[in-house]
Amino acid sequence: MHEPPFQPRARGALRQHLPIRERLRLARLASRKMLSLGSALLCALPLLYLLSEVLCAQP
């Protein structure tokens, strides 16, 4: 009947019990995801800049 207290670091605690190989795989996936997100942002920034220039240049 008594609920355990909410643990915000439950995901980190779960990750501690994983084997090294699994932890490395998760880290690699996360870094790949961040890399693709960063490259997408870098590609989108000039396009957004050009779009704002075109929209602001219209009379």
PDB file of N, CA and C in Angstrom:
ATOM      1  N   MET A   1       0.809  -1.199   0.000  1.00  0.00           N
ATOM      2  CA  MET A   1       0.000   0.000   0.000  1.00  0.00           C
ATOM      3  C   MET A   1       0.851   1.262   0.000  1.00  0.00           C
ATOM      4  N   HIS A   2       2.065   1.132   0.533  1.00  0.00           N
ATOM      5  CA  HIS A   2       2.952   2.294   0.590  1.00  0.00           C
ATOM      6  C   HIS A   2       3.716   2.421  -0.724  1.00  0.00           C
ATOM      7  N   GLU A   3       3.559   3.570  -1.408  1.00  0.00           N
ATOM      8  CA  GLU A   3       4.249   3.768  -2.693  1.00  0.00           C
ATOM      9  C   GLU A   3       5.694   4.183  -2.460  1.00  0.00           C
ATOM     10  N   PRO A   4       6.610   3.664  -3.265  1.00  0.00           N
ATOM     11  CA  PRO A   4       8.011   4.115  -3.141  1.00  0.00           C
ATOM     12  C   PRO A   4       8.139   5.555  -3.616  1.00  0.00           C
ATOM     13  N   PRO A   5       9.069   6.304  -3.042  1.00  0.00           N
ATOM     14  CA  PRO A   5       9.244   7.702  -3.469  1.00  0.00           C
ATOM     15  C   PRO A   5       9.705   7.773  -4.920  1.00  0.00           C
ATOM     16  N   PHE A   6       9.296   8.829  -5.588  1.00  0.00           N
ATOM     17  CA  PHE A   6       9.660   9.006  -6.997  1.00  0.00           C
ATOM     18  C   PHE A   6      11.148   9.285  -7.119  1.00  0.00           C
ATOM     19  N   GLN A   7      11.806   8.532  -8.002  1.00  0.00           N
ATOM     20  CA  GLN A   7      13.247   8.701  -8.187  1.00  0.00           C
ATOM     21  C   GLN A   7      13.519   9.312  -9.558  1.00  0.00           C
ATOM     22  N   PRO A   8      13.946  10.585  -9.599  1.00  0.00           N
ATOM     23  CA  PRO A   8      14.219  11.199 -10.906  1.00  0.00           C
ATOM     24  C   PRO A   8      15.407  10.585 -11.628  1.00  0.00           C
ATOM     25  N   ARG A   9      16.323   9.958 -10.862  1.00  0.00           N
ATOM     26  CA  ARG A   9      17.508   9.384 -11.494  1.00  0.00           C
ATOM     27  C   ARG A   9      17.363   7.883 -11.690  1.00  0.00           C
ATOM     28  N   ALA A  10      16.130   7.432 -11.908  1.00  0.00           N
ATOM     29  CA  ALA A  10      15.914   5.992 -12.069  1.00  0.00           C
ATOM     30  C   ALA A  10      16.596   5.477 -13.324  1.00  0.00           C
ATOM     31  N   ARG A  11      16.572   6.291 -14.396  1.00  0.00           N
ATOM     32  CA  ARG A  11      17.202   5.860 -15.642  1.00  0.00           C
ATOM     33  C   ARG A  11      18.714   5.695 -15.450  1.00  0.00           C
ATOM     34  N   GLY A  12      19.331   6.626 -14.723  1.00  0.00           N
ATOM     35  CA  GLY A  12      20.766   6.514 -14.452  1.00  0.00           C
ATOM     36  C   GLY A  12      21.075   5.306 -13.587  1.00  0.00           C
ATOM     37  N   ALA A  13      20.193   5.031 -12.624  1.00  0.00           N
ATOM     38  CA  ALA A  13      20.409   3.875 -11.757  1.00  0.00           C
ATOM     39  C   ALA A  13      20.284   2.583 -12.558  1.00  0.00           C
ATOM     40  N   LEU A  14      19.330   2.549 -13.487  1.00  0.00           N
ATOM     41  CA  LEU A  14      19.194   1.360 -14.335  1.00  0.00           C
ATOM     42  C   LEU A  14      20.425   1.174 -15.200  1.00  0.00           C
ATOM     43  N   ARG A  15      20.964   2.292 -15.691  1.00  0.00           N
ATOM     44  CA  ARG A  15      22.120   2.212 -16.573  1.00  0.00           C
ATOM     45  C   ARG A  15      23.352   1.694 -15.824  1.00  0.00           C
ATOM     46  N   GLN A  16      23.416   1.932 -14.513  1.00  0.00           N
ATOM     47  CA  GLN A  16      24.576   1.471 -13.745  1.00  0.00           C
ATOM     48  C   GLN A  16      24.668  -0.050 -13.726  1.00  0.00           C
ATOM     49  N   HIS A  17      23.519  -0.729 -13.791  1.00  0.00           N
ATOM     50  CA  HIS A  17      23.522  -2.179 -13.680  1.00  0.00           C
ATOM     51  C   HIS A  17      23.746  -2.876 -15.018  1.00  0.00           C
ATOM     52  N   LEU A  18      23.785  -2.103 -16.098  1.00  0.00           N
ATOM     53  CA  LEU A  18      23.986  -2.723 -17.408  1.00  0.00           C
ATOM     54  C   LEU A  18      25.443  -3.122 -17.593  1.00  0.00           C
ATOM     55  N   PRO A  19      25.684  -4.127 -18.397  1.00  0.00           N
ATOM     56  CA  PRO A  19      27.081  -4.496 -18.703  1.00  0.00           C
ATOM     57  C   PRO A  19      27.770  -3.391 -19.509  1.00  0.00           C
ATOM     58  N   ILE A  20      29.088  -3.429 -19.492  1.00  0.00           N
ATOM     59  CA  ILE A  20      29.879  -2.373 -20.142  1.00  0.00           C
ATOM     60  C   ILE A  20      29.546  -2.280 -21.625  1.00  0.00           C
ATOM     61  N   ARG A  21      29.403  -3.429 -22.276  1.00  0.00           N
ATOM     62  CA  ARG A  21      29.146  -3.432 -23.717  1.00  0.00           C
ATOM     63  C   ARG A  21      27.821  -2.726 -24.033  1.00  0.00           C
ATOM     64  N   GLU A  22      26.805  -3.011 -23.208  1.00  0.00           N
ATOM     65  CA  GLU A  22      25.501  -2.387 -23.425  1.00  0.00           C
ATOM     66  C   GLU A  22      25.551  -0.887 -23.158  1.00  0.00           C
ATOM     67  N   ARG A  23      26.323  -0.506 -22.135  1.00  0.00           N
ATOM     68  CA  ARG A  23      26.477   0.924 -21.837  1.00  0.00           C
ATOM     69  C   ARG A  23      27.169   1.653 -22.980  1.00  0.00           C
ATOM     70  N   LEU A  24      28.189   1.023 -23.549  1.00  0.00           N
ATOM     71  CA  LEU A  24      28.887   1.630 -24.686  1.00  0.00           C
ATOM     72  C   LEU A  24      27.968   1.762 -25.885  1.00  0.00           C
ATOM     73  N   ARG A  25      27.121   0.743 -26.100  1.00  0.00           N
ATOM     74  CA  ARG A  25      26.194   0.800 -27.221  1.00  0.00           C
ATOM     75  C   ARG A  25      25.197   1.942 -27.038  1.00  0.00           C
ATOM     76  N   LEU A  26      24.704   2.115 -25.824  1.00  0.00           N
ATOM     77  CA  LEU A  26      23.766   3.208 -25.555  1.00  0.00           C
ATOM     78  C   LEU A  26      24.432   4.562 -25.742  1.00  0.00           C
ATOM     79  N   ALA A  27      25.677   4.683 -25.283  1.00  0.00           N
ATOM     80  CA  ALA A  27      26.395   5.946 -25.429  1.00  0.00           C
ATOM     81  C   ALA A  27      26.638   6.252 -26.899  1.00  0.00           C
ATOM     82  N   ARG A  28      26.970   5.216 -27.677  1.00  0.00           N
ATOM     83  CA  ARG A  28      27.211   5.425 -29.102  1.00  0.00           C
ATOM     84  C   ARG A  28      25.928   5.869 -29.809  1.00  0.00           C
ATOM     85  N   LEU A  29      24.814   5.244 -29.442  1.00  0.00           N
ATOM     86  CA  LEU A  29      23.536   5.632 -30.040  1.00  0.00           C
ATOM     87  C   LEU A  29      23.193   7.072 -29.687  1.00  0.00           C
ATOM     88  N   ALA A  30      23.403   7.451 -28.439  1.00  0.00           N
ATOM     89  CA  ALA A  30      23.087   8.813 -28.008  1.00  0.00           C
ATOM     90  C   ALA A  30      23.971   9.826 -28.724  1.00  0.00           C
ATOM     91  N   SER A  31      25.268   9.510 -28.872  1.00  0.00           N
ATOM     92  CA  SER A  31      26.164  10.455 -29.534  1.00  0.00           C
ATOM     93  C   SER A  31      25.825  10.569 -31.014  1.00  0.00           C
ATOM     94  N   ARG A  32      25.428   9.454 -31.624  1.00  0.00           N
ATOM     95  CA  ARG A  32      25.049   9.499 -33.036  1.00  0.00           C
ATOM     96  C   ARG A  32      23.789  10.350 -33.218  1.00  0.00           C
ATOM     97  N   LYS A  33      22.843  10.218 -32.268  1.00  0.00           N
ATOM     98  CA  LYS A  33      21.617  10.985 -32.350  1.00  0.00           C
ATOM     99  C   LYS A  33      21.921  12.482 -32.191  1.00  0.00           C
ATOM    100  N   MET A  34      22.816  12.816 -31.250  1.00  0.00           N
ATOM    101  CA  MET A  34      23.177  14.218 -31.053  1.00  0.00           C
ATOM    102  C   MET A  34      23.908  14.768 -32.273  1.00  0.00           C
ATOM    103  N   LEU A  35      24.748  13.940 -32.886  1.00  0.00           N
ATOM    104  CA  LEU A  35      25.489  14.378 -34.066  1.00  0.00           C
ATOM    105  C   LEU A  35      24.543  14.660 -35.230  1.00  0.00           C
ATOM    106  N   SER A  36      23.565  13.800 -35.431  1.00  0.00           N
ATOM    107  CA  SER A  36      22.624  14.033 -36.525  1.00  0.00           C
ATOM    108  C   SER A  36      21.751  15.247 -36.237  1.00  0.00           C
ATOM    109  N   LEU A  37      21.402  15.438 -34.977  1.00  0.00           N
ATOM    110  CA  LEU A  37      20.612  16.617 -34.613  1.00  0.00           C
ATOM    111  C   LEU A  37      21.410  17.893 -34.846  1.00  0.00           C
ATOM    112  N   GLY A  38      22.679  17.865 -34.462  1.00  0.00           N
ATOM    113  CA  GLY A  38      23.530  19.040 -34.668  1.00  0.00           C
ATOM    114  C   GLY A  38      23.737  19.347 -36.135  1.00  0.00           C
ATOM    115  N   SER A  39      23.940  18.325 -36.951  1.00  0.00           N
ATOM    116  CA  SER A  39      24.145  18.582 -38.376  1.00  0.00           C
ATOM    117  C   SER A  39      22.855  19.083 -39.022  1.00  0.00           C
ATOM    118  N   ALA A  40      21.716  18.571 -38.569  1.00  0.00           N
ATOM    119  CA  ALA A  40      20.444  19.064 -39.095  1.00  0.00           C
ATOM    120  C   ALA A  40      20.253  20.540 -38.745  1.00  0.00           C
ATOM    121  N   LEU A  41      20.625  20.925 -37.535  1.00  0.00           N
ATOM    122  CA  LEU A  41      20.514  22.334 -37.147  1.00  0.00           C
ATOM    123  C   LEU A  41      21.458  23.199 -37.970  1.00  0.00           C
ATOM    124  N   LEU A  42      22.673  22.718 -38.200  1.00  0.00           N
ATOM    125  CA  LEU A  42      23.632  23.485 -38.989  1.00  0.00           C
ATOM    126  C   LEU A  42      23.158  23.663 -40.422  1.00  0.00           C
ATOM    127  N   CYS A  43      22.486  22.652 -40.959  1.00  0.00           N
ATOM    128  CA  CYS A  43      21.952  22.779 -42.312  1.00  0.00           C
ATOM    129  C   CYS A  43      20.738  23.709 -42.341  1.00  0.00           C
ATOM    130  N   ALA A  44      19.966  23.705 -41.276  1.00  0.00           N
ATOM    131  CA  ALA A  44      18.731  24.486 -41.262  1.00  0.00           C
ATOM    132  C   ALA A  44      18.991  25.972 -41.018  1.00  0.00           C
ATOM    133  N   LEU A  45      20.062  26.307 -40.321  1.00  0.00           N
ATOM    134  CA  LEU A  45      20.301  27.714 -39.980  1.00  0.00           C
ATOM    135  C   LEU A  45      20.460  28.610 -41.206  1.00  0.00           C
ATOM    136  N   PRO A  46      21.312  28.277 -42.186  1.00  0.00           N
ATOM    137  CA  PRO A  46      21.407  29.150 -43.368  1.00  0.00           C
ATOM    138  C   PRO A  46      20.090  29.240 -44.129  1.00  0.00           C
ATOM    139  N   LEU A  47      19.364  28.127 -44.193  1.00  0.00           N
ATOM    140  CA  LEU A  47      18.071  28.153 -44.889  1.00  0.00           C
ATOM    141  C   LEU A  47      17.086  29.076 -44.179  1.00  0.00           C
ATOM    142  N   LEU A  48      17.062  29.007 -42.863  1.00  0.00           N
ATOM    143  CA  LEU A  48      16.175  29.900 -42.108  1.00  0.00           C
ATOM    144  C   LEU A  48      16.595  31.356 -42.280  1.00  0.00           C
ATOM    145  N   TYR A  49      17.908  31.593 -42.310  1.00  0.00           N
ATOM    146  CA  TYR A  49      18.405  32.960 -42.508  1.00  0.00           C
ATOM    147  C   TYR A  49      17.976  33.491 -43.880  1.00  0.00           C
ATOM    148  N   LEU A  50      18.166  32.688 -44.920  1.00  0.00           N
ATOM    149  CA  LEU A  50      17.762  33.115 -46.261  1.00  0.00           C
ATOM    150  C   LEU A  50      16.258  33.348 -46.340  1.00  0.00           C
ATOM    151  N   LEU A  51      15.498  32.490 -45.713  1.00  0.00           N
ATOM    152  CA  LEU A  51      14.048  32.646 -45.713  1.00  0.00           C
ATOM    153  C   LEU A  51      13.637  33.942 -45.026  1.00  0.00           C
ATOM    154  N   SER A  52      14.269  34.255 -43.906  1.00  0.00           N
ATOM    155  CA  SER A  52      13.930  35.501 -43.210  1.00  0.00           C
ATOM    156  C   SER A  52      14.345  36.712 -44.035  1.00  0.00           C
ATOM    157  N   GLU A  53      15.494  36.610 -44.737  1.00  0.00           N
ATOM    158  CA  GLU A  53      15.914  37.726 -45.598  1.00  0.00           C
ATOM    159  C   GLU A  53      14.915  37.945 -46.727  1.00  0.00           C
ATOM    160  N   VAL A  54      14.467  36.874 -47.340  1.00  0.00           N
ATOM    161  CA  VAL A  54      13.519  36.984 -48.441  1.00  0.00           C
ATOM    162  C   VAL A  54      12.181  37.552 -47.961  1.00  0.00           C
ATOM    163  N   LEU A  55      11.736  37.063 -46.809  1.00  0.00           N
ATOM    164  CA  LEU A  55      10.445  37.536 -46.302  1.00  0.00           C
ATOM    165  C   LEU A  55      10.515  39.001 -45.859  1.00  0.00           C
ATOM    166  N   CYS A  56      11.644  39.405 -45.300  1.00  0.00           N
ATOM    167  CA  CYS A  56      11.761  40.787 -44.835  1.00  0.00           C
ATOM    168  C   CYS A  56      12.012  41.752 -46.002  1.00  0.00           C
ATOM    169  N   ALA A  57      12.534  41.265 -47.108  1.00  0.00           N
ATOM    170  CA  ALA A  57      12.854  42.135 -48.242  1.00  0.00           C
ATOM    171  C   ALA A  57      11.618  42.475 -49.053  1.00  0.00           C
ATOM    172  N   GLN A  58      10.551  41.721 -48.882  1.00  0.00           N
ATOM    173  CA  GLN A  58       9.345  42.001 -49.652  1.00  0.00           C
ATOM    174  C   GLN A  58       8.682  43.302 -49.188  1.00  0.00           C
ATOM    175  N   PRO A  59       8.256  44.133 -50.108  1.00  0.00           N
ATOM    176  CA  PRO A  59       7.648  45.416 -49.722  1.00  0.00           C
ATOM    177  C   PRO A  59       6.247  45.248 -49.120  1.00  0.00           C
TER     178      PRO A  59
END
